[in-house]
C-alpha cells in the first residue's frame, strides 16, 4: 500500500512512523534486531520508520510486542487507521459541493447514540434553523470561494441530517458559549428565529443544552468547535480543515475538556435567561 500524495496525510503517516521509531529506541533495539524479532527483512523496518510504507495493524502489533510495549498498540493502530481521514482541508471537501459534505455525515449521525458537541463560534448544526443554516453556509461558501449558489441545497441537507435530534434513541449534550447567542448570522429575523428555536428545542427529552456565560471564571479556556461521537471519534472544525481524531489518548483529552466546559455552563432557567437576553438585545 503506497502513501497518499496528500501532504496532510503524509504528515500524519510521518507522525505514526516517528512513534514507531520512539518505541524501538525506548526498547534499546536496532532496526535489524526488531526485524529479526518480527520475522521480516530489515529494509521493512527502515521503510516503516521513514513513512515509506504504511504499517498494517499486524505490523504495529508485532513491532510493539517485539519492543515489549503492548500498551502502545491500541493508540498506534488508531492513529494509523485515521491518518488518511484525520486531516482534510475544506477546499478538498468542497469539491463534492456543500450539499455533498452535509450528506456525507448522515451515516455517522444515524449510528451515533451519544452526541457531545461544544460550539464557541456558531450554533450547533443539529440546532440550526433553515434560515440560519443557509446564511452560515453562504458565508462559508463565499470565504472559501466555492460560490453560494449551492448554499440553499446544502442547508436543506443539513436540516434533513439534523432530524436525528427528534428521531431514534439519540442523546445530545450540547454546549455553546454565550457569544454564540450574540454573533449575528444572517439578518435580525434569522437570528431571532434561531434563538426562539433554541428555547423550543430545550424542551426535548433527548437534548441537554448548556450556555457558558461571559462572566464565568474559566477553569478551561474557550476551545475550537468540536463534537464527540459515542466516545469513539472527535471532529474538530478548524478554519482550513476538518480534523477527525480516534486515538484513545487524544479522545481522553477532548472528553476531559468537554467535562470541564460542562461545569462552566448554566442549564434550564439559567440558559433560557441568557437566550432571552440575547433576544431582547435585538429589539
Protein backbone atom coordinates (compact mmCIF):
# COMPACT_ATOMS: atom_id res chain seq x y z
CA UNK A 1 0.00 0.00 0.00
CA UNK A 2 1.55 3.29 -1.06
CA UNK A 3 1.30 6.59 0.74
CA UNK A 4 -1.31 9.14 -0.27
CA UNK A 5 0.05 12.12 -2.20
CA UNK A 6 -1.82 14.44 0.17
CA UNK A 7 0.73 16.37 2.24
CA UNK A 8 -1.55 16.30 5.28
CA UNK A 9 -1.79 12.51 5.09
CA UNK A 10 1.97 12.26 4.67
CA UNK A 11 2.46 14.32 7.81
CA UNK A 12 0.08 12.04 9.70
CA UNK A 13 1.94 8.98 8.42
CA UNK A 14 5.26 10.52 9.42
CA UNK A 15 3.91 11.05 12.92
CA UNK A 16 2.98 7.35 13.15
CA UNK A 17 6.40 6.37 11.79
CA UNK A 18 8.14 8.59 14.36
CA UNK A 19 6.17 6.98 17.16
CA UNK A 20 7.23 3.52 15.94
CA UNK A 21 10.84 4.67 15.98
CA UNK A 22 10.47 6.02 19.52
CA UNK A 23 9.04 2.68 20.67
CA UNK A 24 12.06 0.89 19.18
CA UNK A 25 14.57 3.31 20.71
CA UNK A 26 12.89 3.09 24.12
CA UNK A 27 13.33 -0.69 23.90
CA UNK A 28 17.02 -0.29 23.02
CA UNK A 29 16.72 -2.22 19.76
CA UNK A 30 18.27 -1.63 16.34
CA UNK A 31 16.33 -1.83 13.12
CA UNK A 32 17.89 -5.19 12.33
CA UNK A 33 17.05 -6.56 15.78
CA UNK A 34 13.41 -5.61 15.56
CA UNK A 35 13.24 -7.07 12.03
CA UNK A 36 14.64 -10.35 13.32
CA UNK A 37 12.12 -10.46 16.15
CA UNK A 38 9.24 -9.67 13.78
CA UNK A 39 10.43 -12.11 11.12
CA UNK A 40 10.75 -9.68 8.22
CA UNK A 41 13.55 -8.12 6.11
CA UNK A 42 15.50 -5.26 7.77
CA UNK A 43 14.53 -2.99 4.88
CA UNK A 44 10.92 -3.19 6.03
CA UNK A 45 11.83 -1.72 9.42
CA UNK A 46 13.53 1.17 7.65
CA UNK A 47 10.55 1.77 5.35
CA UNK A 48 8.12 1.80 8.29
CA UNK A 49 10.26 4.20 10.31
CA UNK A 50 10.66 6.58 7.38
CA UNK A 51 6.98 6.53 6.36
CA UNK A 52 7.88 4.89 3.07
CA UNK A 53 5.41 2.08 3.79
CA UNK A 54 2.11 2.11 5.64
CA UNK A 55 2.06 -0.33 8.58
CA UNK A 56 -0.77 -2.82 8.84
CA UNK A 57 -2.45 -3.48 12.18
CA UNK A 58 -0.45 -6.73 12.33
CA UNK A 59 2.79 -4.84 11.69
CA UNK A 60 2.10 -2.48 14.58
CA UNK A 61 1.20 -5.34 16.92
CA UNK A 62 4.37 -7.24 16.00
CA UNK A 63 6.52 -4.13 16.39
CA UNK A 64 5.15 -3.25 19.83
CA UNK A 65 5.27 -6.83 21.06
CA UNK A 66 8.89 -7.11 19.92
CA UNK A 67 9.61 -3.98 21.95
CA UNK A 68 7.56 -5.18 24.92
CA UNK A 69 5.39 -2.07 24.50
CA UNK A 70 1.99 -3.73 24.25
CA UNK A 71 0.39 -0.70 25.97
CA UNK A 72 1.16 1.37 22.85
CA UNK A 73 -0.61 -0.92 20.38
CA UNK A 74 -4.15 0.48 20.50
CA UNK A 75 -3.08 4.13 20.23
CA UNK A 76 -0.76 3.41 17.31
CA UNK A 77 -3.34 1.35 15.43
CA UNK A 78 -5.94 4.09 15.91
CA UNK A 79 -3.51 6.75 14.70
CA UNK A 80 -2.55 4.70 11.65
CA UNK A 81 -6.15 3.93 10.70
CA UNK A 82 -7.21 7.54 10.93
CA UNK A 83 -4.23 9.03 9.10
CA UNK A 84 -5.97 9.16 5.73
CA UNK A 85 -9.01 10.94 7.09
CA UNK A 86 -7.80 12.72 10.20
CA UNK A 87 -6.92 15.99 8.48
CA UNK A 88 -8.74 17.02 5.33
CA UNK A 89 -8.73 20.56 4.01
CA UNK A 90 -12.16 22.09 3.42
CA UNK A 91 -11.12 23.06 -0.11
CA UNK A 92 -10.80 19.36 -0.93
CA UNK A 93 -14.10 18.51 0.75
CA UNK A 94 -15.85 21.33 -1.08
CA UNK A 95 -15.03 19.76 -4.45
CA UNK A 96 -18.04 17.49 -3.96
CA UNK A 97 -20.21 20.52 -3.21
CA UNK A 98 -21.55 21.88 0.04
CA UNK A 99 -24.57 19.59 -0.09
CA UNK A 100 -22.33 16.56 -0.56
CA UNK A 101 -20.41 17.43 2.61
CA UNK A 102 -23.63 17.64 4.62
CA UNK A 103 -24.91 14.35 3.24
CA UNK A 104 -21.62 12.59 3.96
CA UNK A 105 -22.25 13.00 7.70
CA UNK A 106 -25.59 11.18 7.63
CA UNK A 107 -24.29 7.63 8.34
CA UNK A 108 -22.22 8.92 11.29
CA UNK A 109 -25.20 10.80 12.71
CA UNK A 110 -27.55 7.87 12.28
CA UNK A 111 -25.32 5.36 14.07
CA UNK A 112 -24.21 7.68 16.89
CA UNK A 113 -26.19 7.32 20.10
CA UNK A 114 -24.45 9.87 22.34
CA UNK A 115 -23.52 13.26 20.90
CA UNK A 116 -21.41 15.72 22.88
CA UNK A 117 -21.00 18.96 20.97
CA UNK A 118 -19.23 22.17 22.02
CA UNK A 119 -19.51 25.31 19.89
CA UNK A 120 -17.62 28.52 20.52
CA UNK A 121 -18.46 30.35 17.29
CA UNK A 122 -21.75 29.23 15.68
CA UNK A 123 -24.87 27.31 16.62
CA UNK A 124 -24.52 23.51 16.70
CA UNK A 125 -25.58 22.13 13.32
CA UNK A 126 -28.28 19.93 14.86
CA UNK A 127 -29.93 23.05 16.32
CA UNK A 128 -29.77 25.34 13.28
CA UNK A 129 -32.91 26.66 11.62
CA UNK A 130 -33.10 26.51 7.80
CA UNK A 131 -32.57 30.28 7.58
CA UNK A 132 -29.58 30.26 9.93
CA UNK A 133 -28.01 27.28 8.14
CA UNK A 134 -28.47 28.96 4.74
CA UNK A 135 -26.95 32.20 5.99
CA UNK A 136 -23.98 30.46 7.56
CA UNK A 137 -23.26 28.18 4.60
CA UNK A 138 -23.50 31.15 2.24
CA UNK A 139 -20.80 32.95 4.26
CA UNK A 140 -18.65 29.79 4.28
CA UNK A 141 -19.04 29.34 0.53
CA UNK A 142 -18.06 32.95 -0.06
CA UNK A 143 -14.98 32.71 2.17
CA UNK A 144 -13.71 29.51 0.57
CA UNK A 145 -14.50 30.76 -2.92
CA UNK A 146 -16.91 27.96 -3.79
CA UNK A 147 -19.81 30.26 -4.63
CA UNK A 148 -23.05 30.41 -2.67
CA UNK A 149 -25.42 29.00 -5.30
CA UNK A 150 -25.34 25.63 -3.54
CA UNK A 151 -25.89 27.06 -0.05
CA UNK A 152 -29.70 26.58 -0.02
CA UNK A 153 -29.39 22.92 -1.08
CA UNK A 154 -26.63 22.38 1.48
CA UNK A 155 -28.76 24.00 4.18
CA UNK A 156 -31.65 21.68 3.30
CA UNK A 157 -29.32 18.68 3.61
CA UNK A 158 -28.05 19.93 6.96
CA UNK A 159 -31.60 20.32 8.28
CA UNK A 160 -32.51 16.86 7.00
CA UNK A 161 -29.47 15.43 8.78
CA UNK A 162 -30.47 17.26 11.95
CA UNK A 163 -33.75 15.36 12.19
CA UNK A 164 -31.86 12.79 14.26
CA UNK A 165 -32.48 15.10 17.19
CA UNK A 166 -36.16 14.13 17.06
CA UNK A 167 -35.78 10.54 15.90
CA UNK A 168 -34.44 7.31 17.30
CA UNK A 169 -32.63 6.82 20.59
CA UNK A 170 -30.06 9.59 20.28
CA UNK A 171 -28.96 11.75 23.21
CA UNK A 172 -27.47 15.22 22.79
CA UNK A 173 -25.31 17.08 25.31
CA UNK A 174 -24.77 20.47 23.72
CA UNK A 175 -22.65 23.37 24.96
CA UNK A 176 -22.39 26.87 23.48
CA UNK A 177 -20.50 29.93 24.59
CA UNK A 178 -22.77 32.91 25.28
CA UNK A 179 -21.02 34.67 22.38
CA UNK A 180 -22.75 32.24 20.00
CA UNK A 181 -26.09 33.75 21.05
CA UNK A 182 -24.84 37.21 20.10
CA UNK A 183 -22.95 36.62 16.84
CA UNK A 184 -25.29 37.68 14.04
CA UNK A 185 -25.51 35.14 11.24
CA UNK A 186 -27.99 36.31 8.63
CA UNK A 187 -30.38 39.19 9.33
CA UNK A 188 -32.12 40.11 12.58
CA UNK A 189 -35.16 37.99 11.74
CA UNK A 190 -32.92 34.97 11.13
CA UNK A 191 -31.19 35.37 14.50
CA UNK A 192 -34.47 35.95 16.32
CA UNK A 193 -35.89 32.79 14.77
CA UNK A 194 -32.77 30.84 15.68
CA UNK A 195 -32.83 31.95 19.31
CA UNK A 196 -36.52 31.17 19.55
CA UNK A 197 -35.80 27.73 18.14
CA UNK A 198 -33.25 27.14 20.90
CA UNK A 199 -35.90 27.82 23.51
CA UNK A 200 -38.26 25.27 21.96
CA UNK A 201 -35.62 22.58 21.40
CA UNK A 202 -34.59 22.74 25.07
CA UNK A 203 -37.88 21.02 25.90
CA UNK A 204 -36.93 17.86 24.00
CA UNK A 205 -36.14 14.97 26.37
CA UNK A 206 -33.15 13.96 24.22
CA UNK A 207 -31.48 17.38 24.50
CA UNK A 208 -29.37 18.93 27.24
CA UNK A 209 -28.37 22.48 26.29
CA UNK A 210 -25.85 24.42 28.36
CA UNK A 211 -24.72 28.00 27.85
CA UNK A 212 -21.36 29.21 29.21
CA UNK A 213 -21.85 32.82 30.42
CA UNK A 214 -19.49 35.67 29.51
CA UNK A 215 -18.56 36.37 33.10
CA UNK A 216 -17.87 32.81 34.23
CA UNK A 217 -14.44 32.32 35.75
CA UNK A 218 -12.74 29.84 33.44
CA UNK A 219 -11.29 26.51 34.51
CA UNK A 220 -10.58 25.92 30.83
CA UNK A 221 -10.10 28.42 28.02
CA UNK A 222 -12.52 28.62 25.05
CA UNK A 223 -11.80 25.86 22.54
CA UNK A 224 -12.29 25.34 18.82
CA UNK A 225 -15.67 23.80 17.99
CA UNK A 226 -15.60 20.03 18.45
CA UNK A 227 -18.01 17.09 18.50
CA UNK A 228 -17.61 13.75 20.30
CA UNK A 229 -19.45 10.83 18.73
CA UNK A 230 -20.10 7.93 21.15
CA UNK A 231 -16.71 8.49 22.74
CA UNK A 232 -15.11 6.89 19.69
CA UNK A 233 -14.45 9.79 17.31
CA UNK A 234 -13.90 13.52 17.74
CA UNK A 235 -14.38 16.01 14.92
CA UNK A 236 -12.65 19.39 15.23
CA UNK A 237 -13.53 22.24 12.89
CA UNK A 238 -10.61 24.50 12.00
CA UNK A 239 -10.61 27.43 9.62
CA UNK A 240 -8.88 25.47 6.87
CA UNK A 241 -9.61 21.84 7.64
CA UNK A 242 -11.70 19.18 9.32
CA UNK A 243 -9.81 17.03 11.79
CA UNK A 244 -11.06 13.59 12.85
CA UNK A 245 -9.44 12.11 15.96
CA UNK A 246 -9.73 8.48 17.05
CA UNK A 247 -6.56 7.88 19.11
CA UNK A 248 -7.66 6.93 22.66
CA UNK A 249 -5.18 9.28 24.35
CA UNK A 250 -6.48 12.25 22.35
CA UNK A 251 -10.10 11.25 22.88
CA UNK A 252 -9.45 11.37 26.61
CA UNK A 253 -8.24 14.96 26.32
CA UNK A 254 -11.37 16.08 24.49
CA UNK A 255 -13.60 14.25 26.94
CA UNK A 256 -11.77 15.97 29.79
CA UNK A 257 -12.19 19.34 28.07
CA UNK A 258 -15.90 18.73 27.49
CA UNK A 259 -16.41 17.82 31.14
CA UNK A 260 -14.68 21.00 32.32
CA UNK A 261 -16.70 23.11 29.89
CA UNK A 262 -19.86 21.41 31.13
CA UNK A 263 -19.05 22.55 34.66
CA UNK A 264 -18.93 26.18 33.47
CA UNK A 265 -22.34 26.13 31.79
CA UNK A 266 -25.78 27.04 33.08
CA UNK A 267 -28.82 24.96 32.18
CA UNK A 268 -32.60 25.16 32.30
CA UNK A 269 -33.83 28.53 33.55
CA UNK A 270 -30.27 29.89 33.62
CA UNK A 271 -29.74 29.08 29.95
CA UNK A 272 -33.20 30.37 28.98
CA UNK A 273 -32.43 33.66 30.73
CA UNK A 274 -29.30 34.16 28.62
CA UNK A 275 -31.12 33.24 25.39
CA UNK A 276 -33.97 35.66 26.16
CA UNK A 277 -31.46 38.40 27.00
CA UNK A 278 -29.86 37.90 23.58
CA UNK A 279 -33.33 38.10 22.01
CA UNK A 280 -34.17 41.28 23.91
CA UNK A 281 -30.91 42.92 22.78
CA UNK A 282 -32.08 42.65 19.18
CA UNK A 283 -35.19 44.75 19.69
